[in-house]
Protein backbone atom coordinates (compact mmCIF):
# COMPACT_ATOMS: atom_id res chain seq x y z
CA UNK A 1 113.43 108.70 102.48
CA UNK A 2 115.39 109.49 105.92
CA UNK A 3 119.06 108.80 104.11
CA UNK A 4 118.14 111.42 101.42
CA UNK A 5 116.68 114.27 104.04
CA UNK A 6 119.98 114.22 104.96
CA UNK A 7 122.25 114.84 102.26
CA UNK A 8 119.79 117.15 101.12
CA UNK A 9 120.25 119.13 104.20
CA UNK A 10 124.33 118.38 104.02
CA UNK A 11 124.09 120.05 100.53
CA UNK A 12 122.02 123.02 101.37
CA UNK A 13 124.48 124.11 104.07
CA UNK A 14 127.26 123.11 101.82
CA UNK A 15 125.50 125.38 99.39
CA UNK A 16 125.08 128.66 102.45
CA UNK A 17 129.24 127.90 103.50
CA UNK A 18 130.16 128.17 99.72
CA UNK A 19 128.21 131.32 99.07
CA UNK A 20 129.85 133.30 102.76
CA UNK A 21 133.00 132.00 101.09
CA UNK A 22 132.94 134.26 97.91
CA UNK A 23 130.69 136.82 99.16
CA UNK A 24 132.61 137.77 101.97
CA UNK A 25 136.56 137.55 100.72
CA UNK A 26 136.62 140.69 99.20
CA UNK A 27 134.94 142.23 102.47
CA UNK A 28 136.98 140.06 105.26
CA UNK A 29 140.78 141.05 105.59
CA UNK A 30 143.72 138.38 105.37
CA UNK A 31 144.42 136.03 108.30
CA UNK A 32 147.70 136.26 109.43
CA UNK A 33 147.80 132.12 108.68
CA UNK A 34 149.23 132.43 104.67
CA UNK A 35 147.77 129.10 104.84
CA UNK A 36 144.35 130.02 105.85
CA UNK A 37 144.43 133.42 103.41
CA UNK A 38 141.62 135.02 103.92
CA UNK A 39 139.06 135.26 106.43
CA UNK A 40 136.28 134.20 104.58
CA UNK A 41 138.32 131.15 103.44
CA UNK A 42 137.39 129.23 106.69
CA UNK A 43 133.51 128.80 105.75
CA UNK A 44 135.90 126.46 102.98
CA UNK A 45 137.33 124.92 105.50
CA UNK A 46 134.35 123.91 107.34
CA UNK A 47 132.88 122.88 104.08
CA UNK A 48 135.50 120.31 103.88
CA UNK A 49 135.32 119.04 107.68
CA UNK A 50 131.31 118.25 107.31
CA UNK A 51 131.72 116.79 103.11
CA UNK A 52 135.10 116.26 102.88
CA UNK A 53 136.91 114.50 106.25
CA UNK A 54 134.07 111.38 105.39
CA UNK A 55 134.70 110.73 102.45
CA UNK A 56 138.90 110.52 103.17
CA UNK A 57 138.38 108.78 106.07
CA UNK A 58 136.46 105.99 103.87
CA UNK A 59 138.63 106.22 101.24
CA UNK A 60 141.90 105.39 103.45
CA UNK A 61 139.69 101.83 105.14
CA UNK A 62 139.11 100.59 101.83
CA UNK A 63 142.99 101.33 100.25
CA UNK A 64 143.89 99.35 103.40
CA UNK A 65 141.26 96.36 102.51
CA UNK A 66 142.81 96.79 98.81
CA UNK A 67 139.08 98.52 97.58
CA UNK A 68 140.45 100.54 95.10
CA UNK A 69 136.76 102.59 94.68
CA UNK A 70 136.05 106.28 92.94
CA UNK A 71 136.54 107.88 95.75
CA UNK A 72 140.11 107.70 96.37
CA UNK A 73 140.76 109.65 93.28
CA UNK A 74 138.20 112.58 94.92
CA UNK A 75 139.95 112.06 97.62
CA UNK A 76 143.28 112.67 97.30
CA UNK A 77 142.51 115.72 95.02
CA UNK A 78 140.64 116.99 97.87
CA UNK A 79 142.96 116.49 100.08
CA UNK A 80 145.93 118.50 97.94
CA UNK A 81 143.77 121.43 97.20
CA UNK A 82 143.47 121.87 101.33
CA UNK A 83 147.13 121.18 101.87
CA UNK A 84 148.11 124.10 98.57
CA UNK A 85 145.41 126.16 100.73
CA UNK A 86 142.44 126.52 97.54
CA UNK A 87 139.61 126.04 100.66
CA UNK A 88 137.26 127.69 97.56
CA UNK A 89 138.24 125.14 95.34
CA UNK A 90 138.24 122.56 97.73
CA UNK A 91 134.45 123.72 99.11
CA UNK A 92 132.78 123.72 95.69
CA UNK A 93 134.97 120.02 94.88
CA UNK A 94 132.66 118.78 97.73
CA UNK A 95 129.56 120.79 96.24
CA UNK A 96 129.47 119.77 93.28
CA UNK A 97 130.15 115.72 94.20
CA UNK A 98 127.50 116.41 96.72
CA UNK A 99 125.13 117.78 93.84
CA UNK A 100 126.15 115.02 91.57
CA UNK A 101 125.64 112.39 94.53
CA UNK A 102 121.91 113.81 95.13
CA UNK A 103 121.12 113.28 91.34
CA UNK A 104 122.39 110.30 90.77
CA UNK A 105 120.34 108.36 94.08
CA UNK A 106 117.47 111.11 93.01
CA UNK A 107 117.13 109.10 89.40
CA UNK A 108 117.73 105.26 90.89
CA UNK A 109 115.12 106.19 93.22
CA UNK A 110 112.90 107.04 90.18
CA UNK A 111 113.17 103.52 89.05
CA UNK A 112 111.38 101.91 92.22
CA UNK A 113 109.77 105.13 93.75
CA UNK A 114 106.62 104.43 91.23
CA UNK A 115 106.91 100.92 92.63
CA UNK A 116 106.95 102.12 96.39
CA UNK A 117 103.90 104.10 95.66
CA UNK A 118 101.81 101.17 94.64
CA UNK A 119 101.94 100.34 98.52
CA UNK A 120 99.50 103.51 98.83
CA UNK A 121 96.49 101.36 96.57
CA UNK A 122 95.94 99.37 99.77
CA UNK A 123 93.66 100.18 102.01
CA UNK A 124 93.64 100.91 105.52
CA UNK A 125 91.29 99.35 106.68
CA UNK A 126 89.15 95.91 105.51
CA UNK A 127 85.68 94.04 106.14
CA UNK A 128 87.14 90.76 107.74
CA UNK A 129 85.67 87.73 109.77
CA UNK A 130 88.04 85.48 111.87
CA UNK A 131 87.39 81.68 112.42
CA UNK A 132 85.50 82.35 115.64
CA UNK A 133 83.67 85.35 114.58
CA UNK A 134 79.92 85.53 113.20
CA UNK A 135 80.00 88.80 111.39
CA UNK A 136 82.43 91.09 109.31
CA UNK A 137 83.76 93.53 110.97
CA UNK A 138 86.09 96.50 109.92
CA UNK A 139 89.49 96.16 111.12
CA UNK A 140 93.31 97.22 109.76
CA UNK A 141 94.11 95.31 107.38
CA UNK A 142 97.51 94.51 109.42
CA UNK A 143 95.76 91.98 111.84
CA UNK A 144 94.50 90.02 108.68
CA UNK A 145 95.99 86.28 109.49
CA UNK A 146 96.21 83.46 106.97
CA UNK A 147 93.07 81.67 106.85
CA UNK A 148 90.46 85.20 107.32
CA UNK A 149 87.93 85.29 105.47
CA UNK A 150 88.04 89.19 103.82
CA UNK A 151 84.74 91.27 101.70
CA UNK A 152 86.09 93.67 99.33
CA UNK A 153 82.69 95.53 97.86
CA UNK A 154 82.16 97.76 94.92
CA UNK A 155 84.34 100.58 94.75
CA UNK A 156 87.35 98.93 97.42
CA UNK A 157 90.84 97.63 97.30
CA UNK A 158 92.07 94.22 97.92
CA UNK A 159 94.12 94.43 100.43
CA UNK A 160 96.16 91.16 100.35
CA UNK A 161 96.25 88.75 98.20
CA UNK A 162 93.25 85.54 98.74
CA UNK A 163 91.42 82.94 96.77
CA UNK A 164 87.88 83.92 95.91
CA UNK A 165 85.54 81.45 98.01
CA UNK A 166 82.03 83.67 97.08
CA UNK A 167 80.33 86.63 95.08
CA UNK A 168 81.63 87.65 91.92
CA UNK A 169 82.84 90.62 90.59
CA UNK A 170 84.71 92.61 87.66
CA UNK A 171 88.56 93.32 88.86
CA UNK A 172 90.88 96.16 87.65
CA UNK A 173 93.96 94.39 88.01
CA UNK A 174 96.45 96.86 85.96
CA UNK A 175 98.80 97.97 88.91
CA UNK A 176 99.61 94.29 89.47
CA UNK A 177 99.39 92.46 86.30
CA UNK A 178 99.56 95.62 84.44
CA UNK A 179 96.26 94.11 82.27
CA UNK A 180 94.05 97.52 81.45
CA UNK A 181 90.57 95.09 81.29
CA UNK A 182 89.03 94.08 84.21
CA UNK A 183 88.81 90.20 84.91
CA UNK A 184 86.01 88.36 86.16
CA UNK A 185 86.47 86.96 89.59
CA UNK A 186 84.52 84.06 91.06
CA UNK A 187 84.93 81.28 93.18
CA UNK A 188 88.34 79.82 93.11
CA UNK A 189 90.14 82.87 91.06
CA UNK A 190 92.85 83.84 92.73
CA UNK A 191 92.70 88.07 93.47
CA UNK A 192 95.74 90.55 94.21
CA UNK A 193 96.50 92.98 96.49
CA UNK A 194 96.30 96.29 95.65
CA UNK A 195 93.52 95.36 92.58
CA UNK A 196 89.99 97.48 92.60
CA UNK A 197 86.63 95.79 92.81
CA UNK A 198 84.97 97.87 90.15
CA UNK A 199 81.81 96.15 90.19
CA UNK A 200 80.18 93.55 92.31
CA UNK A 201 81.55 91.90 95.36
CA UNK A 202 83.71 89.13 96.48
CA UNK A 203 84.36 87.02 99.74
CA UNK A 204 87.94 85.22 99.60
CA UNK A 205 90.35 83.42 101.53
CA UNK A 206 93.29 84.59 102.69
CA UNK A 207 96.52 83.51 101.37
CA UNK A 208 98.80 86.13 102.64
CA UNK A 209 99.56 88.71 105.50
CA UNK A 210 99.93 92.42 104.55
CA UNK A 211 103.89 92.31 104.93
CA UNK A 212 103.60 89.52 102.13
CA UNK A 213 101.67 90.38 99.70
CA UNK A 214 102.41 90.76 95.63
CA UNK A 215 102.62 94.43 96.12
CA UNK A 216 105.73 93.43 98.87
CA UNK A 217 107.17 91.08 96.86
CA UNK A 218 107.08 93.94 94.13
CA UNK A 219 108.88 96.74 96.23
CA UNK A 220 111.52 93.79 97.63
CA UNK A 221 112.37 92.52 94.57
CA UNK A 222 113.46 95.67 93.10
CA UNK A 223 115.27 96.88 95.96
CA UNK A 224 117.40 93.33 95.78
CA UNK A 225 118.17 94.21 92.45
CA UNK A 226 120.64 96.15 93.40
CA UNK A 227 122.05 93.63 95.58
CA UNK A 228 122.36 91.20 93.10
CA UNK A 229 125.02 91.85 90.31
CA UNK A 230 124.90 90.43 86.67
CA UNK A 231 127.62 89.37 85.12
CA UNK A 232 128.15 92.64 82.94
CA UNK A 233 128.22 94.53 86.00
CA UNK A 234 130.42 92.85 87.78
CA UNK A 235 132.86 93.05 84.73
CA UNK A 236 132.29 96.63 84.61
CA UNK A 237 133.33 97.06 88.90
CA UNK A 238 136.57 94.80 88.10
CA UNK A 239 137.55 97.00 85.35
CA UNK A 240 137.14 99.94 87.38
CA UNK A 241 139.30 98.44 90.65
CA UNK A 242 141.87 98.36 87.65
CA UNK A 243 141.22 101.40 86.06
CA UNK A 244 141.81 104.15 89.59
CA UNK A 245 145.27 102.85 90.17
CA UNK A 246 146.16 103.93 87.21
CA UNK A 247 144.62 107.13 87.14
CA UNK A 248 146.95 107.82 89.99
CA UNK A 249 149.53 106.72 87.40
CA UNK A 250 148.84 109.53 84.73
CA UNK A 251 148.14 111.89 87.72
CA UNK A 252 151.84 111.39 88.90
CA UNK A 253 153.32 111.85 85.41
CA UNK A 254 151.32 114.83 84.66
CA UNK A 255 152.47 116.45 88.51
CA UNK A 256 156.11 115.38 87.14
CA UNK A 257 156.07 116.33 83.76
CA UNK A 258 153.66 119.96 84.45
CA UNK A 259 154.41 120.57 87.68
CA UNK A 260 151.21 121.94 88.27
CA UNK A 261 149.19 120.74 90.85
CA UNK A 262 145.86 121.57 89.51
CA UNK A 263 146.64 119.92 86.33
CA UNK A 264 146.66 117.05 88.68
CA UNK A 265 144.01 117.88 90.81
CA UNK A 266 141.87 118.10 87.30
CA UNK A 267 143.13 114.78 85.87
CA UNK A 268 142.14 113.01 88.82
CA UNK A 269 138.47 114.48 89.96
CA UNK A 270 137.87 114.50 85.92
CA UNK A 271 138.84 110.57 86.00
CA UNK A 272 136.57 109.43 88.81
CA UNK A 273 135.05 105.85 87.05
CA UNK A 274 131.65 106.92 89.25
CA UNK A 275 129.64 107.22 85.42
CA UNK A 276 131.26 103.59 84.99
CA UNK A 277 130.12 102.09 87.95
CA UNK A 278 126.68 103.06 87.84
CA UNK A 279 126.16 102.97 84.00
CA UNK A 280 125.20 99.35 84.26
CA UNK A 281 122.96 98.86 87.54
CA UNK A 282 120.37 101.51 86.55
CA UNK A 283 120.45 99.94 83.45
CA UNK A 284 119.49 97.27 84.84
CA UNK A 285 117.29 98.66 88.33
CA UNK A 286 115.13 100.42 85.61
CA UNK A 287 114.55 96.98 83.62
CA UNK A 288 113.14 95.62 86.49
CA UNK A 289 111.07 98.38 88.06
CA UNK A 290 109.48 98.35 84.49
CA UNK A 291 108.72 94.97 84.25
CA UNK A 292 107.28 94.85 87.28
CA UNK A 293 104.74 97.69 87.03
CA UNK A 294 103.48 95.39 83.60
CA UNK A 295 102.80 92.11 85.48
CA UNK A 296 106.11 90.89 85.33
CA UNK A 297 108.49 89.60 88.41
CA UNK A 298 112.15 89.79 87.09
CA UNK A 299 114.46 88.66 90.26
CA UNK A 300 117.19 89.80 89.60
CA UNK A 301 119.43 91.93 87.17
CA UNK A 302 121.53 88.99 85.78
CA UNK A 303 117.95 87.54 84.93
CA UNK A 304 117.33 90.89 83.01
CA UNK A 305 120.79 89.85 81.40
CA UNK A 306 120.61 86.54 80.30
CA UNK A 307 116.65 87.98 78.71
CA UNK A 308 118.58 89.84 76.67
CA UNK A 309 120.58 87.20 75.15
CA UNK A 310 118.27 84.41 75.02
CA UNK A 311 118.49 82.25 71.91
CA UNK A 312 115.99 79.28 71.86
CA UNK A 313 112.53 79.23 73.42
CA UNK A 314 111.36 75.80 74.73
CA UNK A 315 107.34 76.17 75.81
CA UNK A 316 105.06 73.27 78.06
CA UNK A 317 101.83 73.29 76.22
CA UNK A 318 98.84 72.60 78.71
CA UNK A 319 98.60 75.60 81.06
CA UNK A 320 100.97 77.11 79.52
CA UNK A 321 99.66 78.03 75.50
CA UNK A 322 96.22 76.20 76.61
CA UNK A 323 94.30 77.46 79.08
CA UNK A 324 94.47 73.84 80.77
CA UNK A 325 90.62 74.26 80.93
CA UNK A 326 88.48 71.56 79.02
CA UNK A 327 85.73 72.88 76.67
CA UNK A 328 83.46 71.03 74.00
CA UNK A 329 85.04 71.10 70.80
CA UNK A 330 81.75 69.23 68.92
CA UNK A 331 79.20 66.66 69.42
CA UNK A 332 79.51 63.95 66.78
CA UNK A 333 76.82 61.08 65.97
CA UNK A 334 76.15 58.96 62.96
CA UNK A 335 73.01 58.94 63.90
CA UNK A 336 70.33 60.63 61.21
CA UNK A 337 68.00 61.59 64.31
CA UNK A 338 66.12 65.13 64.51
CA UNK A 339 68.37 66.93 67.67
CA UNK A 340 70.05 63.87 68.45
CA UNK A 341 73.42 65.97 68.80
CA UNK A 342 70.92 68.17 72.14
CA UNK A 343 69.94 64.52 73.03
CA UNK A 344 73.89 63.45 73.45
CA UNK A 345 74.85 66.42 75.44
CA UNK A 346 71.37 66.19 77.64
CA UNK A 347 71.75 62.72 78.47
CA UNK A 348 75.37 63.67 79.11
CA UNK A 349 74.72 66.66 81.55
CA UNK A 350 72.03 64.45 83.52
CA UNK A 351 74.91 61.63 83.79
CA UNK A 352 77.11 64.21 85.46
CA UNK A 353 75.23 66.77 86.89
CA UNK A 354 76.69 65.69 90.31
CA UNK A 355 80.16 65.13 89.27
CA UNK A 356 82.49 68.24 89.94
CA UNK A 357 85.62 67.01 87.58
CA UNK A 358 86.97 68.93 84.74
CA UNK A 359 85.15 66.72 82.34
CA UNK A 360 81.91 66.65 83.68
CA UNK A 361 82.32 70.34 84.28
CA UNK A 362 82.87 71.40 80.75
CA UNK A 363 79.91 69.44 79.45
CA UNK A 364 77.43 70.84 82.18
CA UNK A 365 79.09 73.98 80.70
CA UNK A 366 78.14 73.59 77.48
CA UNK A 367 74.42 71.97 78.54
CA UNK A 368 73.81 75.46 80.51
CA UNK A 369 75.05 78.04 77.10
CA UNK A 370 72.49 75.93 75.16
CA UNK A 371 70.13 76.22 77.11
CA UNK A 372 69.48 72.34 77.67
CA UNK A 373 68.34 71.22 81.59
CA UNK A 374 69.40 67.95 82.30
CA UNK A 375 67.33 65.19 83.87
CA UNK A 376 67.61 64.46 87.39
CA UNK A 377 69.15 60.58 87.35
CA UNK A 378 67.25 58.15 88.93
CA UNK A 379 70.69 56.13 90.34
CA UNK A 380 74.39 56.40 89.35
CA UNK A 381 76.78 53.84 89.41
CA UNK A 382 80.58 54.77 89.07
CA UNK A 383 82.56 53.02 86.61
CA UNK A 384 85.83 52.85 87.75
CA UNK A 385 88.33 53.62 85.01
CA UNK A 386 85.48 53.73 82.25
CA UNK A 387 82.99 56.58 83.40
CA UNK A 388 79.39 56.07 84.77
CA UNK A 389 75.93 54.15 84.61
CA UNK A 390 73.21 56.50 84.98
CA UNK A 391 69.13 55.32 85.15
CA UNK A 392 67.19 57.76 83.93
CA UNK A 393 63.32 58.72 83.08
CA UNK A 394 62.62 59.13 79.72
CA UNK A 395 59.14 59.85 78.29
CA UNK A 396 57.58 57.66 81.03
CA UNK A 397 60.07 54.96 80.69
CA UNK A 398 63.18 54.02 82.35
CA UNK A 399 66.17 54.58 80.30
CA UNK A 400 70.28 52.82 80.87
CA UNK A 401 72.50 55.60 80.15
CA UNK A 402 76.62 54.92 79.78
CA UNK A 403 78.79 57.95 79.87
CA UNK A 404 82.80 57.42 79.56
CA UNK A 405 85.82 56.91 77.69
CA UNK A 406 86.67 54.23 74.85
CA UNK A 407 87.08 51.82 77.22
CA UNK A 408 83.63 51.67 78.03
CA UNK A 409 82.70 50.91 74.26
CA UNK A 410 85.34 48.45 74.58
CA UNK A 411 83.82 46.46 77.16
CA UNK A 412 80.64 46.47 75.69
CA UNK A 413 82.26 45.31 72.36
CA UNK A 414 80.80 48.46 70.21
CA UNK A 415 83.05 49.84 67.54
CA UNK A 416 84.26 53.10 67.93
CA UNK A 417 83.64 55.98 66.04
CA UNK A 418 86.67 58.18 65.39
CA UNK A 419 85.30 62.19 64.48
CA UNK A 420 89.35 63.65 64.70
CA UNK A 421 92.48 62.99 66.43
CA UNK A 422 92.96 66.62 67.58
CA UNK A 423 90.78 66.38 70.92
CA UNK A 424 91.73 65.81 74.01
CA UNK A 425 89.31 63.33 74.75
CA UNK A 426 86.30 62.05 73.60
CA UNK A 427 83.23 61.15 75.89
CA UNK A 428 81.02 58.22 74.56
CA UNK A 429 77.43 58.11 74.90
CA UNK A 430 75.04 55.06 75.35
CA UNK A 431 71.59 54.37 75.40
CA UNK A 432 70.38 51.35 76.33
CA UNK A 433 72.73 49.92 74.67
CA UNK A 434 73.42 51.61 71.69
CA UNK A 435 75.98 54.06 71.10
CA UNK A 436 74.99 57.76 69.88
CA UNK A 437 77.87 59.17 69.96
CA UNK A 438 80.42 60.99 71.79
CA UNK A 439 81.62 64.33 73.10
CA UNK A 440 84.77 65.77 72.08
CA UNK A 441 86.70 67.93 74.60
CA UNK A 442 89.34 69.91 73.72
CA UNK A 443 91.59 72.00 75.98
CA UNK A 444 91.67 75.76 74.45
CA UNK A 445 94.26 77.54 73.43
CA UNK A 446 94.96 81.15 75.07
CA UNK A 447 94.28 83.64 72.85
CA UNK A 448 97.64 85.49 73.25
CA UNK A 449 99.86 82.03 71.90
CA UNK A 450 99.95 83.05 68.12
CA UNK A 451 100.64 86.27 68.93
CA UNK A 452 103.67 85.23 71.19
CA UNK A 453 104.65 82.90 68.54
CA UNK A 454 104.34 85.69 66.02
CA UNK A 455 106.20 87.77 68.35
CA UNK A 456 109.38 85.67 69.36
CA UNK A 457 109.45 85.06 65.52
CA UNK A 458 109.39 88.90 64.55
CA UNK A 459 112.33 89.23 66.81
CA UNK A 460 114.42 87.02 65.38
CA UNK A 461 113.58 83.86 67.57
CA UNK A 462 112.97 80.91 65.29
CA UNK A 463 114.00 78.18 67.61
CA UNK A 464 110.49 77.97 69.04
CA UNK A 465 109.98 74.68 70.60
CA UNK A 466 106.77 72.89 72.41
CA UNK A 467 106.78 70.05 74.60
CA UNK A 468 104.30 68.11 75.56
CA UNK A 469 102.94 65.02 77.32
CA UNK A 470 100.32 64.60 75.38
CA UNK A 471 100.13 62.30 72.44
CA UNK A 472 101.42 63.09 69.06
CA UNK A 473 98.16 63.87 66.87
CA UNK A 474 97.03 66.87 69.89
CA UNK A 475 101.00 68.20 69.79
CA UNK A 476 101.04 68.75 65.97
CA UNK A 477 97.61 70.08 65.82
CA UNK A 478 98.79 72.86 68.62
CA UNK A 479 101.80 73.36 66.72
CA UNK A 480 100.35 74.18 63.65
CA UNK A 481 97.94 76.31 65.31
CA UNK A 482 100.75 78.29 66.33
CA UNK A 483 102.91 77.90 63.33
CA UNK A 484 105.24 76.33 65.96
CA UNK A 485 107.82 74.16 63.39
CA UNK A 486 109.42 72.06 66.40
CA UNK A 487 107.70 70.25 68.38
CA UNK A 488 107.81 66.65 71.02
CA UNK A 489 105.05 64.69 71.78
CA UNK A 490 104.84 62.22 75.08
CA UNK A 491 107.45 63.20 76.93
CA UNK A 492 108.35 63.02 80.22
CA UNK A 493 109.47 65.18 82.97
CA UNK A 494 112.36 63.64 82.86
CA UNK A 495 112.84 63.75 79.15
CA UNK A 496 111.48 67.66 79.17
CA UNK A 497 114.68 68.37 81.61
CA UNK A 498 117.03 66.39 78.94
CA UNK A 499 116.15 68.37 75.84
CA UNK A 500 116.96 71.70 77.76
CA UNK A 501 120.14 70.03 78.78
CA UNK A 502 121.37 68.84 75.95
CA UNK A 503 120.50 73.05 74.17
CA UNK A 504 122.58 73.85 77.02
CA UNK A 505 125.69 72.13 76.11
CA UNK A 506 125.52 72.89 72.62
CA UNK A 507 125.89 76.84 73.52
CA UNK A 508 122.48 77.88 73.62
CA UNK A 509 120.93 79.63 76.13
CA UNK A 510 117.61 78.51 76.52
CA UNK A 511 114.29 80.37 78.43
CA UNK A 512 111.68 77.92 79.44
CA UNK A 513 108.10 78.79 80.29
CA UNK A 514 105.75 76.07 81.87
CA UNK A 515 102.86 75.74 84.87
CA UNK A 516 103.42 72.75 86.53
CA UNK A 517 105.08 70.65 89.06
CA UNK A 518 106.23 68.70 85.85
CA UNK A 519 107.92 72.13 84.57
CA UNK A 520 109.81 72.73 87.96
CA UNK A 521 112.76 71.06 86.88
CA UNK A 522 113.23 72.20 83.66
CA UNK A 523 112.05 75.77 84.58
CA UNK A 524 115.09 75.54 87.17
CA UNK A 525 117.79 74.46 84.86
CA UNK A 526 116.82 77.06 81.98
CA UNK A 527 118.94 80.00 81.77
CA UNK A 528 115.88 81.93 82.43
CA UNK A 529 112.70 79.95 83.95
CA UNK A 530 109.76 81.56 83.26
CA UNK A 531 106.41 80.61 85.26
CA UNK A 532 102.81 81.33 84.68
CA UNK A 533 101.67 82.66 88.23
CA UNK A 534 98.15 83.18 87.44
CA UNK A 535 97.12 79.21 87.71
CA UNK A 536 100.71 77.97 88.16
CA UNK A 537 102.13 75.88 90.95
CA UNK A 538 103.35 77.20 93.77
CA UNK A 539 106.57 74.83 93.24
CA UNK A 540 107.27 76.79 89.43
CA UNK A 541 106.76 79.73 90.59
CA UNK A 542 109.56 79.05 93.51
CA UNK A 543 112.05 78.25 91.11
CA UNK A 544 111.14 80.25 88.33
CA UNK A 545 113.28 83.08 87.52
CA UNK A 546 110.54 85.07 86.41
CA UNK A 547 106.65 85.16 87.17
CA UNK A 548 104.37 86.36 84.73
CA UNK A 549 101.41 87.06 86.43
CA UNK A 550 98.65 87.00 84.01
CA UNK A 551 98.09 84.98 81.31
CA UNK A 552 99.25 87.02 78.69
CA UNK A 553 101.28 85.42 76.61
CA UNK A 554 102.60 88.06 74.90
CA UNK A 555 104.21 89.78 77.39
CA UNK A 556 106.81 87.02 76.78
CA UNK A 557 108.27 88.70 73.99
CA UNK A 558 108.24 92.08 75.98
CA UNK A 559 110.34 91.07 78.29
CA UNK A 560 112.97 89.48 75.68
CA UNK A 561 112.94 92.68 74.00
CA UNK A 562 113.66 94.74 77.44
CA UNK A 563 116.41 92.01 78.54
CA UNK A 564 117.79 93.57 74.69
CA UNK A 565 117.43 96.87 75.13
CA UNK A 566 118.64 96.92 78.81
CA UNK A 567 121.51 95.53 77.34
CA UNK A 568 121.77 98.16 74.97
CA UNK A 569 121.92 100.99 77.25
CA UNK A 570 124.25 99.74 79.18
CA UNK A 571 126.68 99.42 76.54
CA UNK A 572 126.06 102.62 75.62
CA UNK A 573 126.30 103.60 78.89
CA UNK A 574 129.78 102.23 79.54
CA UNK A 575 130.62 103.85 76.13
CA UNK A 576 130.34 107.22 77.44
CA UNK A 577 131.38 106.60 80.00
CA UNK A 578 134.95 105.80 79.01
CA UNK A 579 135.05 107.96 76.04
CA UNK A 580 133.60 110.65 78.65
CA UNK A 581 136.65 110.20 81.07
CA UNK A 582 139.36 109.84 77.82
CA UNK A 583 138.22 113.48 76.21
CA UNK A 584 138.35 114.59 80.26
CA UNK A 585 141.50 113.47 81.03
CA UNK A 586 142.90 114.98 77.68
CA UNK A 587 141.17 118.34 78.17
CA UNK A 588 142.57 118.58 81.86
CA UNK A 589 146.46 117.73 81.06
CA UNK A 590 146.84 120.74 78.85
CA UNK A 591 144.91 122.75 81.72
CA UNK A 592 141.49 123.60 79.62
CA UNK A 593 139.80 121.59 82.69
CA UNK A 594 140.30 123.50 86.00
CA UNK A 595 139.33 121.64 89.11
CA UNK A 596 136.19 123.11 89.92
CA UNK A 597 135.14 122.20 86.07
CA UNK A 598 136.09 118.94 86.36
CA UNK A 599 134.86 118.13 88.94
CA UNK A 600 131.77 119.12 86.81
CA UNK A 601 132.57 117.23 84.20
CA UNK A 602 132.89 114.36 86.22
CA UNK A 603 129.09 115.10 87.68
CA UNK A 604 127.79 115.76 83.91
CA UNK A 605 129.17 112.37 82.29
CA UNK A 606 127.60 110.61 85.79
CA UNK A 607 124.16 112.32 85.06
CA UNK A 608 123.93 111.70 81.91
CA UNK A 609 124.42 107.77 82.36
CA UNK A 610 121.84 107.68 84.43
CA UNK A 611 118.71 109.48 82.98
CA UNK A 612 120.03 107.97 79.93
CA UNK A 613 118.82 104.50 81.50
CA UNK A 614 116.01 105.97 83.55
CA UNK A 615 114.23 106.06 79.44
CA UNK A 616 113.82 101.99 80.20
CA UNK A 617 111.15 102.89 82.67
CA UNK A 618 109.29 104.53 79.61
CA UNK A 619 110.05 101.44 77.46
CA UNK A 620 106.16 100.06 76.41
CA UNK A 621 105.12 96.81 75.87
């Protein structure tokens, strides 16, 4: 901001000096110095000293390092205008370049200006309780340390990232994940800095400090995008290096052929490859800023480019296509008894009521939904690798209840009951040595999974492949449900890695989406690795190129569309820059563009490509 303010002040001074040069030209007399001409030209010369000398010195330094920048052409033209005494022209050129530079910077800043404004969403203070403190005390959010407990009430914003340890609240996460519908946050759920508690309250454990929150990471991400160049940008930069010497040669040819220094200056000014140099980076910066506002963190411009070229998709199943949380799919029994399904669920919930593993949680949750109250067991005994044994009083009689997997029945020499093959697990319930039936558990599909697959096909991505460690029956069921034609089951991490590697060896540009530690190698190897940030493991997030903050898989389609649109914009910008440069050179050679108009032409073409790139900011999901 300070640098921008300084540029604005210099620009105001240059405008003032140019106005004085013009208005006083017919008022003041000629000086005795023929080079200076009218005394009013001294204002133009001062403008040259303020805005031109620095550019010329930097150009000389760059030239000494064999770095042919766009400023070299401008410096030659500016120096020539001062030497031949065209001070008013020199002042106008400096002003035009200053305006162009400021407008370009302002437009590029728009690409991440809105992102920086996100930091304003953070509250100044928060209710904090450190380890040794007995109650919550209002303090500056700068004082929050890792492990501190933070209380957030209804209507206030969350100050840092953390994990909920108590309470329940509806949290509006649109500022971070792009989701417009508030998300219910309960114990063990992750919360993000800057999000708003709309209803209820939560107490969470701080997992980051203020300077390292998710919002800060978004800002850093967008700013770092300017530093890391895409392959596309490296090509244009390299081309510009050869373009500058070529234009100098053309200008010399024009000077020799016309003997007109003004024509030569116009060629130099109109040919500055600034528009070419900024045509690509502005598009990529705008894309990264757009994605960040929509809950996708793309780590560099190179990744945006690769997203636009992706031609193969690999999908992990558990935790990616599915929620990773078990739920009861069905309750089955061959016994023709009244309310047998409720009995099975009640006995299973009674045996599992003291457990905390995923299967127990699924059974307890289902019993609560059906208002079935479990019975507190007299005794419990764990059967390692098989299940649990419980003694329960029913109608005044003691009952032996066994709840467990298929190994339990094999041990009892009981016949397995098979209802369907697409469930994750089956929990059998045995009462007094009689098999009552089983509870089928399933890992539920995410609601956005099918829409993502359909969306990928709509944009021409037919090679969508699911890779899973689950058995074939489950993989086939999930693939059929989602419309995925190719799937591979019972895969180890090294098997997934081999498949990705093989695809790259035949020229594919694969995108791999996963969330677990076992997915990390494949995420790291893929052309584009995507990690599910919400619920994903830290290692998967660390090696990923793209981080999806929400569980909305449709945003993968949006990311690929954004990459394709950005590539298209970059190509159009390059075409605009080259055509306008070529036309401008021709107009300058024939004397149609004077140095001042040539400078204006240069500013206009730079502004056109920047504004065209900034339209990516409006791209919507």
